[in-house]
Amino acid sequence: MHKIAVNNISVYAHHGCWDEEAIIGGEYSVDVEMTTDFTIAAETDELSGTIDYVVVKEIVYREMAIRSKLIEHVALRIVSALKKEIPAIEKVLVRVTKYNAPMGGQVESVSVEIEL
């Protein structure tokens, strides 16, 4: 099996439990690691034999645009959409990182991971 990683997909979104977060929004990043078989692409140099990174990015952007209170919920939506829409994915890990979460102190970021 092979792995493909699309790292640090930067997104501005409006997730969070506080009303201000819905209005102001914040910076997020999403990492996606997929297990697949890209033997055909490696041998033929053809995109049709692998996962299109642009499609992965578009799914992430679409799901990040839907407001949620929790990044855990967003991560599950992204994983589910990737598995449903890209049949070549055998296993996927998604990490959603929220920067400058309002926690009353200096915390650079918080992250959640889901692997299916």
PDB file of N, CA and C in Angstrom:
ATOM      1  N   MET A   1       0.828  -1.180   0.000  1.00  0.00           N
ATOM      2  CA  MET A   1       0.000   0.000   0.000  1.00  0.00           C
ATOM      3  C   MET A   1       0.873   1.245   0.000  1.00  0.00           C
ATOM      4  N   HIS A   2       0.277   2.329  -0.451  1.00  0.00           N
ATOM      5  CA  HIS A   2       0.979   3.599  -0.571  1.00  0.00           C
ATOM      6  C   HIS A   2       0.250   4.662   0.242  1.00  0.00           C
ATOM      7  N   LYS A   3       0.975   5.733   0.559  1.00  0.00           N
ATOM      8  CA  LYS A   3       0.365   6.841   1.287  1.00  0.00           C
ATOM      9  C   LYS A   3       0.533   8.130   0.509  1.00  0.00           C
ATOM     10  N   ILE A   4      -0.508   8.945   0.583  1.00  0.00           N
ATOM     11  CA  ILE A   4      -0.499  10.293   0.024  1.00  0.00           C
ATOM     12  C   ILE A   4      -0.902  11.230   1.155  1.00  0.00           C
ATOM     13  N   ALA A   5      -0.147  12.301   1.334  1.00  0.00           N
ATOM     14  CA  ALA A   5      -0.473  13.287   2.364  1.00  0.00           C
ATOM     15  C   ALA A   5      -0.655  14.654   1.712  1.00  0.00           C
ATOM     16  N   VAL A   6      -1.733  15.300   2.067  1.00  0.00           N
ATOM     17  CA  VAL A   6      -1.962  16.695   1.675  1.00  0.00           C
ATOM     18  C   VAL A   6      -1.893  17.472   2.985  1.00  0.00           C
ATOM     19  N   ASN A   7      -0.838  18.275   3.116  1.00  0.00           N
ATOM     20  CA  ASN A   7      -0.506  18.876   4.408  1.00  0.00           C
ATOM     21  C   ASN A   7      -0.818  20.365   4.478  1.00  0.00           C
ATOM     22  N   ASN A   8      -1.243  20.760   5.667  1.00  0.00           N
ATOM     23  CA  ASN A   8      -1.417  22.170   6.000  1.00  0.00           C
ATOM     24  C   ASN A   8      -2.325  22.913   5.019  1.00  0.00           C
ATOM     25  N   ILE A   9      -3.501  22.357   4.796  1.00  0.00           N
ATOM     26  CA  ILE A   9      -4.511  23.044   3.987  1.00  0.00           C
ATOM     27  C   ILE A   9      -5.033  24.188   4.851  1.00  0.00           C
ATOM     28  N   SER A  10      -4.685  25.404   4.493  1.00  0.00           N
ATOM     29  CA  SER A  10      -5.046  26.576   5.304  1.00  0.00           C
ATOM     30  C   SER A  10      -6.456  27.032   4.986  1.00  0.00           C
ATOM     31  N   VAL A  11      -7.238  27.249   6.050  1.00  0.00           N
ATOM     32  CA  VAL A  11      -8.640  27.620   5.889  1.00  0.00           C
ATOM     33  C   VAL A  11      -9.008  28.656   6.957  1.00  0.00           C
ATOM     34  N   TYR A  12      -9.778  29.646   6.560  1.00  0.00           N
ATOM     35  CA  TYR A  12     -10.384  30.573   7.517  1.00  0.00           C
ATOM     36  C   TYR A  12     -11.823  30.112   7.686  1.00  0.00           C
ATOM     37  N   ALA A  13     -12.229  29.810   8.933  1.00  0.00           N
ATOM     38  CA  ALA A  13     -13.572  29.266   9.159  1.00  0.00           C
ATOM     39  C   ALA A  13     -14.157  29.827  10.439  1.00  0.00           C
ATOM     40  N   HIS A  14     -15.406  29.481  10.706  1.00  0.00           N
ATOM     41  CA  HIS A  14     -16.166  30.078  11.813  1.00  0.00           C
ATOM     42  C   HIS A  14     -16.664  29.027  12.805  1.00  0.00           C
ATOM     43  N   HIS A  15     -15.805  28.110  13.203  1.00  0.00           N
ATOM     44  CA  HIS A  15     -16.182  27.072  14.158  1.00  0.00           C
ATOM     45  C   HIS A  15     -15.938  27.541  15.585  1.00  0.00           C
ATOM     46  N   GLY A  16     -16.680  26.984  16.501  1.00  0.00           N
ATOM     47  CA  GLY A  16     -16.465  27.277  17.910  1.00  0.00           C
ATOM     48  C   GLY A  16     -17.769  27.379  18.677  1.00  0.00           C
ATOM     49  N   CYS A  17     -17.652  27.243  19.978  1.00  0.00           N
ATOM     50  CA  CYS A  17     -18.825  27.273  20.857  1.00  0.00           C
ATOM     51  C   CYS A  17     -19.280  28.684  21.203  1.00  0.00           C
ATOM     52  N   TRP A  18     -18.402  29.672  21.015  1.00  0.00           N
ATOM     53  CA  TRP A  18     -18.723  31.048  21.379  1.00  0.00           C
ATOM     54  C   TRP A  18     -19.339  31.803  20.206  1.00  0.00           C
ATOM     55  N   ASP A  19     -20.297  32.691  20.506  1.00  0.00           N
ATOM     56  CA  ASP A  19     -20.943  33.492  19.464  1.00  0.00           C
ATOM     57  C   ASP A  19     -19.936  34.313  18.677  1.00  0.00           C
ATOM     58  N   GLU A  20     -18.894  34.830  19.376  1.00  0.00           N
ATOM     59  CA  GLU A  20     -17.878  35.653  18.695  1.00  0.00           C
ATOM     60  C   GLU A  20     -17.162  34.860  17.607  1.00  0.00           C
ATOM     61  N   GLU A  21     -16.964  33.571  17.850  1.00  0.00           N
ATOM     62  CA  GLU A  21     -16.266  32.740  16.865  1.00  0.00           C
ATOM     63  C   GLU A  21     -17.075  32.606  15.586  1.00  0.00           C
ATOM     64  N   ALA A  22     -18.390  32.611  15.723  1.00  0.00           N
ATOM     65  CA  ALA A  22     -19.248  32.544  14.541  1.00  0.00           C
ATOM     66  C   ALA A  22     -19.140  33.824  13.722  1.00  0.00           C
ATOM     67  N   ILE A  23     -18.941  34.943  14.402  1.00  0.00           N
ATOM     68  CA  ILE A  23     -18.862  36.235  13.730  1.00  0.00           C
ATOM     69  C   ILE A  23     -17.455  36.508  13.202  1.00  0.00           C
ATOM     70  N   ILE A  24     -16.464  36.341  14.055  1.00  0.00           N
ATOM     71  CA  ILE A  24     -15.093  36.710  13.716  1.00  0.00           C
ATOM     72  C   ILE A  24     -14.376  35.632  12.917  1.00  0.00           C
ATOM     73  N   GLY A  25     -14.563  34.378  13.293  1.00  0.00           N
ATOM     74  CA  GLY A  25     -13.870  33.279  12.637  1.00  0.00           C
ATOM     75  C   GLY A  25     -12.423  33.180  13.086  1.00  0.00           C
ATOM     76  N   GLY A  26     -11.694  32.263  12.466  1.00  0.00           N
ATOM     77  CA  GLY A  26     -10.307  32.062  12.839  1.00  0.00           C
ATOM     78  C   GLY A  26      -9.565  31.210  11.835  1.00  0.00           C
ATOM     79  N   GLU A  27      -8.268  31.076  12.083  1.00  0.00           N
ATOM     80  CA  GLU A  27      -7.380  30.316  11.210  1.00  0.00           C
ATOM     81  C   GLU A  27      -7.360  28.840  11.614  1.00  0.00           C
ATOM     82  N   TYR A  28      -7.410  27.984  10.606  1.00  0.00           N
ATOM     83  CA  TYR A  28      -7.357  26.535  10.797  1.00  0.00           C
ATOM     84  C   TYR A  28      -6.408  25.943   9.764  1.00  0.00           C
ATOM     85  N   SER A  29      -5.925  24.752  10.076  1.00  0.00           N
ATOM     86  CA  SER A  29      -5.227  23.983   9.054  1.00  0.00           C
ATOM     87  C   SER A  29      -5.718  22.543   9.142  1.00  0.00           C
ATOM     88  N   VAL A  30      -5.697  21.891   7.994  1.00  0.00           N
ATOM     89  CA  VAL A  30      -6.155  20.510   7.913  1.00  0.00           C
ATOM     90  C   VAL A  30      -5.079  19.696   7.204  1.00  0.00           C
ATOM     91  N   ASP A  31      -4.729  18.553   7.802  1.00  0.00           N
ATOM     92  CA  ASP A  31      -3.816  17.590   7.198  1.00  0.00           C
ATOM     93  C   ASP A  31      -4.608  16.335   6.875  1.00  0.00           C
ATOM     94  N   VAL A  32      -4.369  15.788   5.682  1.00  0.00           N
ATOM     95  CA  VAL A  32      -5.063  14.576   5.253  1.00  0.00           C
ATOM     96  C   VAL A  32      -4.011  13.568   4.808  1.00  0.00           C
ATOM     97  N   GLU A  33      -4.041  12.389   5.413  1.00  0.00           N
ATOM     98  CA  GLU A  33      -3.151  11.305   5.002  1.00  0.00           C
ATOM     99  C   GLU A  33      -4.006  10.126   4.556  1.00  0.00           C
ATOM    100  N   MET A  34      -3.779   9.675   3.326  1.00  0.00           N
ATOM    101  CA  MET A  34      -4.606   8.633   2.733  1.00  0.00           C
ATOM    102  C   MET A  34      -3.766   7.419   2.357  1.00  0.00           C
ATOM    103  N   THR A  35      -4.283   6.229   2.656  1.00  0.00           N
ATOM    104  CA  THR A  35      -3.679   4.984   2.208  1.00  0.00           C
ATOM    105  C   THR A  35      -4.445   4.541   0.969  1.00  0.00           C
ATOM    106  N   THR A  36      -3.699   4.207  -0.083  1.00  0.00           N
ATOM    107  CA  THR A  36      -4.298   3.843  -1.359  1.00  0.00           C
ATOM    108  C   THR A  36      -3.308   2.983  -2.122  1.00  0.00           C
ATOM    109  N   ASP A  37      -3.625   2.635  -3.336  1.00  0.00           N
ATOM    110  CA  ASP A  37      -2.700   1.927  -4.217  1.00  0.00           C
ATOM    111  C   ASP A  37      -2.514   2.778  -5.462  1.00  0.00           C
ATOM    112  N   PHE A  38      -1.366   3.443  -5.568  1.00  0.00           N
ATOM    113  CA  PHE A  38      -1.119   4.281  -6.741  1.00  0.00           C
ATOM    114  C   PHE A  38      -0.078   3.674  -7.690  1.00  0.00           C
ATOM    115  N   THR A  39       0.001   2.346  -7.703  1.00  0.00           N
ATOM    116  CA  THR A  39       0.937   1.653  -8.577  1.00  0.00           C
ATOM    117  C   THR A  39       0.759   2.070 -10.034  1.00  0.00           C
ATOM    118  N   ILE A  40      -0.479   2.122 -10.499  1.00  0.00           N
ATOM    119  CA  ILE A  40      -0.745   2.472 -11.903  1.00  0.00           C
ATOM    120  C   ILE A  40      -0.224   3.870 -12.211  1.00  0.00           C
ATOM    121  N   ALA A  41      -0.477   4.824 -11.330  1.00  0.00           N
ATOM    122  CA  ALA A  41       0.004   6.195 -11.551  1.00  0.00           C
ATOM    123  C   ALA A  41       1.530   6.243 -11.558  1.00  0.00           C
ATOM    124  N   ALA A  42       2.150   5.505 -10.656  1.00  0.00           N
ATOM    125  CA  ALA A  42       3.609   5.488 -10.593  1.00  0.00           C
ATOM    126  C   ALA A  42       4.213   4.905 -11.868  1.00  0.00           C
ATOM    127  N   GLU A  43       3.546   3.918 -12.432  1.00  0.00           N
ATOM    128  CA  GLU A  43       4.061   3.266 -13.644  1.00  0.00           C
ATOM    129  C   GLU A  43       3.742   4.039 -14.920  1.00  0.00           C
ATOM    130  N   THR A  44       2.579   4.692 -14.954  1.00  0.00           N
ATOM    131  CA  THR A  44       2.124   5.325 -16.205  1.00  0.00           C
ATOM    132  C   THR A  44       2.264   6.834 -16.225  1.00  0.00           C
ATOM    133  N   ASP A  45       2.478   7.443 -15.068  1.00  0.00           N
ATOM    134  CA  ASP A  45       2.551   8.903 -14.954  1.00  0.00           C
ATOM    135  C   ASP A  45       1.225   9.564 -15.326  1.00  0.00           C
ATOM    136  N   GLU A  46       0.119   8.885 -15.010  1.00  0.00           N
ATOM    137  CA  GLU A  46      -1.226   9.390 -15.322  1.00  0.00           C
ATOM    138  C   GLU A  46      -2.003   9.642 -14.032  1.00  0.00           C
ATOM    139  N   LEU A  47      -2.624  10.824 -13.958  1.00  0.00           N
ATOM    140  CA  LEU A  47      -3.396  11.222 -12.780  1.00  0.00           C
ATOM    141  C   LEU A  47      -4.549  10.258 -12.497  1.00  0.00           C
ATOM    142  N   SER A  48      -5.107   9.657 -13.524  1.00  0.00           N
ATOM    143  CA  SER A  48      -6.258   8.774 -13.345  1.00  0.00           C
ATOM    144  C   SER A  48      -5.935   7.553 -12.485  1.00  0.00           C
ATOM    145  N   GLY A  49      -4.652   7.276 -12.254  1.00  0.00           N
ATOM    146  CA  GLY A  49      -4.271   6.122 -11.458  1.00  0.00           C
ATOM    147  C   GLY A  49      -3.995   6.429  -9.997  1.00  0.00           C
ATOM    148  N   THR A  50      -4.371   7.621  -9.563  1.00  0.00           N
ATOM    149  CA  THR A  50      -4.117   8.006  -8.178  1.00  0.00           C
ATOM    150  C   THR A  50      -5.227   8.923  -7.677  1.00  0.00           C
ATOM    151  N   ILE A  51      -5.040   9.499  -6.508  1.00  0.00           N
ATOM    152  CA  ILE A  51      -6.008  10.418  -5.915  1.00  0.00           C
ATOM    153  C   ILE A  51      -5.628  11.842  -6.318  1.00  0.00           C
ATOM    154  N   ASP A  52      -6.592  12.582  -6.809  1.00  0.00           N
ATOM    155  CA  ASP A  52      -6.366  13.969  -7.226  1.00  0.00           C
ATOM    156  C   ASP A  52      -6.347  14.861  -5.982  1.00  0.00           C
ATOM    157  N   TYR A  53      -5.195  15.475  -5.710  1.00  0.00           N
ATOM    158  CA  TYR A  53      -5.035  16.310  -4.518  1.00  0.00           C
ATOM    159  C   TYR A  53      -5.989  17.495  -4.520  1.00  0.00           C
ATOM    160  N   VAL A  54      -6.315  17.992  -5.704  1.00  0.00           N
ATOM    161  CA  VAL A  54      -7.235  19.131  -5.802  1.00  0.00           C
ATOM    162  C   VAL A  54      -8.619  18.740  -5.284  1.00  0.00           C
ATOM    163  N   VAL A  55      -9.066  17.541  -5.593  1.00  0.00           N
ATOM    164  CA  VAL A  55     -10.361  17.063  -5.107  1.00  0.00           C
ATOM    165  C   VAL A  55     -10.338  16.975  -3.576  1.00  0.00           C
ATOM    166  N   VAL A  56      -9.245  16.495  -3.023  1.00  0.00           N
ATOM    167  CA  VAL A  56      -9.108  16.415  -1.557  1.00  0.00           C
ATOM    168  C   VAL A  56      -9.242  17.807  -0.953  1.00  0.00           C
ATOM    169  N   LYS A  57      -8.512  18.768  -1.495  1.00  0.00           N
ATOM    170  CA  LYS A  57      -8.557  20.148  -0.990  1.00  0.00           C
ATOM    171  C   LYS A  57      -9.969  20.719  -1.086  1.00  0.00           C
ATOM    172  N   GLU A  58     -10.649  20.481  -2.206  1.00  0.00           N
ATOM    173  CA  GLU A  58     -12.008  21.007  -2.377  1.00  0.00           C
ATOM    174  C   GLU A  58     -12.977  20.417  -1.361  1.00  0.00           C
ATOM    175  N   ILE A  59     -12.852  19.132  -1.060  1.00  0.00           N
ATOM    176  CA  ILE A  59     -13.713  18.502  -0.050  1.00  0.00           C
ATOM    177  C   ILE A  59     -13.445  19.130   1.317  1.00  0.00           C
ATOM    178  N   VAL A  60     -12.184  19.330   1.644  1.00  0.00           N
ATOM    179  CA  VAL A  60     -11.831  19.964   2.922  1.00  0.00           C
ATOM    180  C   VAL A  60     -12.432  21.364   2.994  1.00  0.00           C
ATOM    181  N   TYR A  61     -12.250  22.178   1.962  1.00  0.00           N
ATOM    182  CA  TYR A  61     -12.804  23.540   1.956  1.00  0.00           C
ATOM    183  C   TYR A  61     -14.321  23.520   2.123  1.00  0.00           C
ATOM    184  N   ARG A  62     -14.981  22.629   1.403  1.00  0.00           N
ATOM    185  CA  ARG A  62     -16.448  22.557   1.473  1.00  0.00           C
ATOM    186  C   ARG A  62     -16.916  22.223   2.889  1.00  0.00           C
ATOM    187  N   GLU A  63     -16.304  21.225   3.508  1.00  0.00           N
ATOM    188  CA  GLU A  63     -16.720  20.807   4.847  1.00  0.00           C
ATOM    189  C   GLU A  63     -16.331  21.832   5.912  1.00  0.00           C
ATOM    190  N   MET A  64     -15.196  22.492   5.724  1.00  0.00           N
ATOM    191  CA  MET A  64     -14.786  23.529   6.681  1.00  0.00           C
ATOM    192  C   MET A  64     -15.693  24.753   6.611  1.00  0.00           C
ATOM    193  N   ALA A  65     -16.370  24.958   5.499  1.00  0.00           N
ATOM    194  CA  ALA A  65     -17.265  26.109   5.340  1.00  0.00           C
ATOM    195  C   ALA A  65     -18.582  25.931   6.098  1.00  0.00           C
ATOM    196  N   ILE A  66     -18.880  24.707   6.519  1.00  0.00           N
ATOM    197  CA  ILE A  66     -20.104  24.429   7.281  1.00  0.00           C
ATOM    198  C   ILE A  66     -19.786  24.604   8.766  1.00  0.00           C
ATOM    199  N   ARG A  67     -20.413  25.592   9.381  1.00  0.00           N
ATOM    200  CA  ARG A  67     -20.111  25.915  10.778  1.00  0.00           C
ATOM    201  C   ARG A  67     -20.459  24.767  11.719  1.00  0.00           C
ATOM    202  N   SER A  68     -19.556  24.509  12.644  1.00  0.00           N
ATOM    203  CA  SER A  68     -19.766  23.541  13.722  1.00  0.00           C
ATOM    204  C   SER A  68     -19.254  24.150  15.016  1.00  0.00           C
ATOM    205  N   LYS A  69     -19.779  23.681  16.128  1.00  0.00           N
ATOM    206  CA  LYS A  69     -19.252  24.123  17.416  1.00  0.00           C
ATOM    207  C   LYS A  69     -17.914  23.465  17.707  1.00  0.00           C
ATOM    208  N   LEU A  70     -17.769  22.213  17.296  1.00  0.00           N
ATOM    209  CA  LEU A  70     -16.580  21.436  17.655  1.00  0.00           C
ATOM    210  C   LEU A  70     -15.788  21.014  16.421  1.00  0.00           C
ATOM    211  N   ILE A  71     -14.449  21.105  16.534  1.00  0.00           N
ATOM    212  CA  ILE A  71     -13.627  20.644  15.413  1.00  0.00           C
ATOM    213  C   ILE A  71     -13.662  19.121  15.298  1.00  0.00           C
ATOM    214  N   GLU A  72     -14.046  18.437  16.361  1.00  0.00           N
ATOM    215  CA  GLU A  72     -14.236  16.994  16.277  1.00  0.00           C
ATOM    216  C   GLU A  72     -15.317  16.662  15.255  1.00  0.00           C
ATOM    217  N   HIS A  73     -16.378  17.449  15.259  1.00  0.00           N
ATOM    218  CA  HIS A  73     -17.490  17.251  14.328  1.00  0.00           C
ATOM    219  C   HIS A  73     -17.046  17.530  12.892  1.00  0.00           C
ATOM    220  N   VAL A  74     -16.275  18.586  12.710  1.00  0.00           N
ATOM    221  CA  VAL A  74     -15.763  18.943  11.386  1.00  0.00           C
ATOM    222  C   VAL A  74     -14.857  17.830  10.859  1.00  0.00           C
ATOM    223  N   ALA A  75     -13.966  17.332  11.696  1.00  0.00           N
ATOM    224  CA  ALA A  75     -13.039  16.278  11.281  1.00  0.00           C
ATOM    225  C   ALA A  75     -13.788  15.031  10.827  1.00  0.00           C
ATOM    226  N   LEU A  76     -14.834  14.656  11.556  1.00  0.00           N
ATOM    227  CA  LEU A  76     -15.621  13.479  11.165  1.00  0.00           C
ATOM    228  C   LEU A  76     -16.313  13.709   9.827  1.00  0.00           C
ATOM    229  N   ARG A  77     -16.849  14.897   9.612  1.00  0.00           N
ATOM    230  CA  ARG A  77     -17.478  15.202   8.316  1.00  0.00           C
ATOM    231  C   ARG A  77     -16.472  15.087   7.173  1.00  0.00           C
ATOM    232  N   ILE A  78     -15.267  15.596   7.387  1.00  0.00           N
ATOM    233  CA  ILE A  78     -14.243  15.543   6.340  1.00  0.00           C
ATOM    234  C   ILE A  78     -13.871  14.094   6.035  1.00  0.00           C
ATOM    235  N   VAL A  79     -13.616  13.303   7.073  1.00  0.00           N
ATOM    236  CA  VAL A  79     -13.276  11.890   6.881  1.00  0.00           C
ATOM    237  C   VAL A  79     -14.384  11.169   6.128  1.00  0.00           C
ATOM    238  N   SER A  80     -15.610  11.373   6.548  1.00  0.00           N
ATOM    239  CA  SER A  80     -16.746  10.700   5.915  1.00  0.00           C
ATOM    240  C   SER A  80     -16.896  11.088   4.456  1.00  0.00           C
ATOM    241  N   ALA A  81     -16.754  12.372   4.163  1.00  0.00           N
ATOM    242  CA  ALA A  81     -16.874  12.838   2.774  1.00  0.00           C
ATOM    243  C   ALA A  81     -15.757  12.284   1.905  1.00  0.00           C
ATOM    244  N   LEU A  82     -14.536  12.286   2.408  1.00  0.00           N
ATOM    245  CA  LEU A  82     -13.411  11.746   1.638  1.00  0.00           C
ATOM    246  C   LEU A  82     -13.627  10.275   1.316  1.00  0.00           C
ATOM    247  N   LYS A  83     -14.012   9.486   2.322  1.00  0.00           N
ATOM    248  CA  LYS A  83     -14.234   8.049   2.101  1.00  0.00           C
ATOM    249  C   LYS A  83     -15.370   7.804   1.121  1.00  0.00           C
ATOM    250  N   LYS A  84     -16.412   8.616   1.204  1.00  0.00           N
ATOM    251  CA  LYS A  84     -17.577   8.431   0.331  1.00  0.00           C
ATOM    252  C   LYS A  84     -17.284   8.854  -1.109  1.00  0.00           C
ATOM    253  N   GLU A  85     -16.573   9.966  -1.280  1.00  0.00           N
ATOM    254  CA  GLU A  85     -16.408  10.557  -2.606  1.00  0.00           C
ATOM    255  C   GLU A  85     -15.158  10.102  -3.356  1.00  0.00           C
ATOM    256  N   ILE A  86     -14.217   9.495  -2.654  1.00  0.00           N
ATOM    257  CA  ILE A  86     -12.999   9.021  -3.310  1.00  0.00           C
ATOM    258  C   ILE A  86     -12.836   7.535  -2.984  1.00  0.00           C
ATOM    259  N   PRO A  87     -13.390   6.670  -3.826  1.00  0.00           N
ATOM    260  CA  PRO A  87     -13.383   5.231  -3.543  1.00  0.00           C
ATOM    261  C   PRO A  87     -11.984   4.617  -3.434  1.00  0.00           C
ATOM    262  N   ALA A  88     -10.980   5.242  -4.020  1.00  0.00           N
ATOM    263  CA  ALA A  88      -9.616   4.690  -3.976  1.00  0.00           C
ATOM    264  C   ALA A  88      -8.983   4.791  -2.589  1.00  0.00           C
ATOM    265  N   ILE A  89      -9.587   5.568  -1.690  1.00  0.00           N
ATOM    266  CA  ILE A  89      -9.045   5.694  -0.335  1.00  0.00           C
ATOM    267  C   ILE A  89      -9.393   4.437   0.456  1.00  0.00           C
ATOM    268  N   GLU A  90      -8.358   3.757   0.924  1.00  0.00           N
ATOM    269  CA  GLU A  90      -8.571   2.575   1.749  1.00  0.00           C
ATOM    270  C   GLU A  90      -8.637   2.947   3.223  1.00  0.00           C
ATOM    271  N   LYS A  91      -7.824   3.928   3.608  1.00  0.00           N
ATOM    272  CA  LYS A  91      -7.779   4.395   4.989  1.00  0.00           C
ATOM    273  C   LYS A  91      -7.426   5.872   4.939  1.00  0.00           C
ATOM    274  N   VAL A  92      -7.999   6.662   5.849  1.00  0.00           N
ATOM    275  CA  VAL A  92      -7.710   8.097   5.845  1.00  0.00           C
ATOM    276  C   VAL A  92      -7.580   8.603   7.277  1.00  0.00           C
ATOM    277  N   LEU A  93      -6.620   9.486   7.460  1.00  0.00           N
ATOM    278  CA  LEU A  93      -6.431  10.176   8.726  1.00  0.00           C
ATOM    279  C   LEU A  93      -6.576  11.670   8.443  1.00  0.00           C
ATOM    280  N   VAL A  94      -7.412  12.334   9.251  1.00  0.00           N
ATOM    281  CA  VAL A  94      -7.615  13.774   9.105  1.00  0.00           C
ATOM    282  C   VAL A  94      -7.267  14.434  10.432  1.00  0.00           C
ATOM    283  N   ARG A  95      -6.453  15.483  10.367  1.00  0.00           N
ATOM    284  CA  ARG A  95      -6.109  16.288  11.539  1.00  0.00           C
ATOM    285  C   ARG A  95      -6.591  17.711  11.284  1.00  0.00           C
ATOM    286  N   VAL A  96      -7.440  18.218  12.165  1.00  0.00           N
ATOM    287  CA  VAL A  96      -7.910  19.601  12.086  1.00  0.00           C
ATOM    288  C   VAL A  96      -7.255  20.360  13.239  1.00  0.00           C
ATOM    289  N   THR A  97      -6.584  21.460  12.906  1.00  0.00           N
ATOM    290  CA  THR A  97      -5.911  22.287  13.900  1.00  0.00           C
ATOM    291  C   THR A  97      -6.559  23.663  13.923  1.00  0.00           C
ATOM    292  N   LYS A  98      -6.883  24.107  15.116  1.00  0.00           N
ATOM    293  CA  LYS A  98      -7.463  25.429  15.329  1.00  0.00           C
ATOM    294  C   LYS A  98      -6.419  26.294  16.024  1.00  0.00           C
ATOM    295  N   TYR A  99      -6.102  27.438  15.429  1.00  0.00           N
ATOM    296  CA  TYR A  99      -5.108  28.347  15.992  1.00  0.00           C
ATOM    297  C   TYR A  99      -5.782  29.396  16.863  1.00  0.00           C
ATOM    298  N   ASN A 100      -5.103  29.782  17.920  1.00  0.00           N
ATOM    299  CA  ASN A 100      -5.559  30.848  18.812  1.00  0.00           C
ATOM    300  C   ASN A 100      -6.967  30.617  19.351  1.00  0.00           C
ATOM    301  N   ALA A 101      -7.237  29.408  19.801  1.00  0.00           N
ATOM    302  CA  ALA A 101      -8.544  29.110  20.392  1.00  0.00           C
ATOM    303  C   ALA A 101      -8.736  29.960  21.647  1.00  0.00           C
ATOM    304  N   PRO A 102      -9.954  30.502  21.846  1.00  0.00           N
ATOM    305  CA  PRO A 102     -10.191  31.362  23.012  1.00  0.00           C
ATOM    306  C   PRO A 102     -10.248  30.533  24.299  1.00  0.00           C
ATOM    307  N   MET A 103      -9.076  30.386  24.933  1.00  0.00           N
ATOM    308  CA  MET A 103      -8.982  29.544  26.119  1.00  0.00           C
ATOM    309  C   MET A 103      -8.501  30.325  27.338  1.00  0.00           C
ATOM    310  N   GLY A 104      -8.435  31.641  27.223  1.00  0.00           N
ATOM    311  CA  GLY A 104      -8.020  32.442  28.367  1.00  0.00           C
ATOM    312  C   GLY A 104      -6.547  32.300  28.697  1.00  0.00           C
ATOM    313  N   GLY A 105      -5.740  32.055  27.699  1.00  0.00           N
ATOM    314  CA  GLY A 105      -4.304  31.924  27.934  1.00  0.00           C
ATOM    315  C   GLY A 105      -3.572  31.761  26.618  1.00  0.00           C
ATOM    316  N   GLN A 106      -2.278  31.665  26.719  1.00  0.00           N
ATOM    317  CA  GLN A 106      -1.459  31.546  25.519  1.00  0.00           C
ATOM    318  C   GLN A 106      -1.342  30.090  25.101  1.00  0.00           C
ATOM    319  N   VAL A 107      -2.152  29.691  24.146  1.00  0.00           N
ATOM    320  CA  VAL A 107      -2.097  28.362  23.550  1.00  0.00           C
ATOM    321  C   VAL A 107      -2.061  28.576  22.044  1.00  0.00           C
ATOM    322  N   GLU A 108      -1.021  28.098  21.402  1.00  0.00           N
ATOM    323  CA  GLU A 108      -0.882  28.312  19.963  1.00  0.00           C
ATOM    324  C   GLU A 108      -1.993  27.634  19.167  1.00  0.00           C
ATOM    325  N   SER A 109      -2.285  26.369  19.500  1.00  0.00           N
ATOM    326  CA  SER A 109      -3.280  25.649  18.720  1.00  0.00           C
ATOM    327  C   SER A 109      -3.790  24.442  19.486  1.00  0.00           C
ATOM    328  N   VAL A 110      -4.921  23.927  19.015  1.00  0.00           N
ATOM    329  CA  VAL A 110      -5.465  22.646  19.468  1.00  0.00           C
ATOM    330  C   VAL A 110      -5.772  21.844  18.212  1.00  0.00           C
ATOM    331  N   SER A 111      -5.611  20.522  18.311  1.00  0.00           N
ATOM    332  CA  SER A 111      -5.839  19.658  17.151  1.00  0.00           C
ATOM    333  C   SER A 111      -6.628  18.435  17.554  1.00  0.00           C
ATOM    334  N   VAL A 112      -7.374  17.894  16.589  1.00  0.00           N
ATOM    335  CA  VAL A 112      -8.022  16.600  16.736  1.00  0.00           C
ATOM    336  C   VAL A 112      -7.675  15.760  15.522  1.00  0.00           C
ATOM    337  N   GLU A 113      -7.636  14.455  15.708  1.00  0.00           N
ATOM    338  CA  GLU A 113      -7.377  13.515  14.615  1.00  0.00           C
ATOM    339  C   GLU A 113      -8.447  12.449  14.601  1.00  0.00           C
ATOM    340  N   ILE A 114      -8.854  12.090  13.404  1.00  0.00           N
ATOM    341  CA  ILE A 114      -9.760  10.950  13.223  1.00  0.00           C
ATOM    342  C   ILE A 114      -9.173  10.104  12.107  1.00  0.00           C
ATOM    343  N   GLU A 115      -9.132   8.802  12.341  1.00  0.00           N
ATOM    344  CA  GLU A 115      -8.629   7.861  11.336  1.00  0.00           C
ATOM    345  C   GLU A 115      -9.673   6.776  11.111  1.00  0.00           C
ATOM    346  N   LEU A 116     -10.045   6.582   9.865  1.00  0.00           N
ATOM    347  CA  LEU A 116     -11.000   5.531   9.498  1.00  0.00           C
ATOM    348  C   LEU A 116     -10.464   4.750   8.318  1.00  0.00           C
TER     349      LEU A 116
END
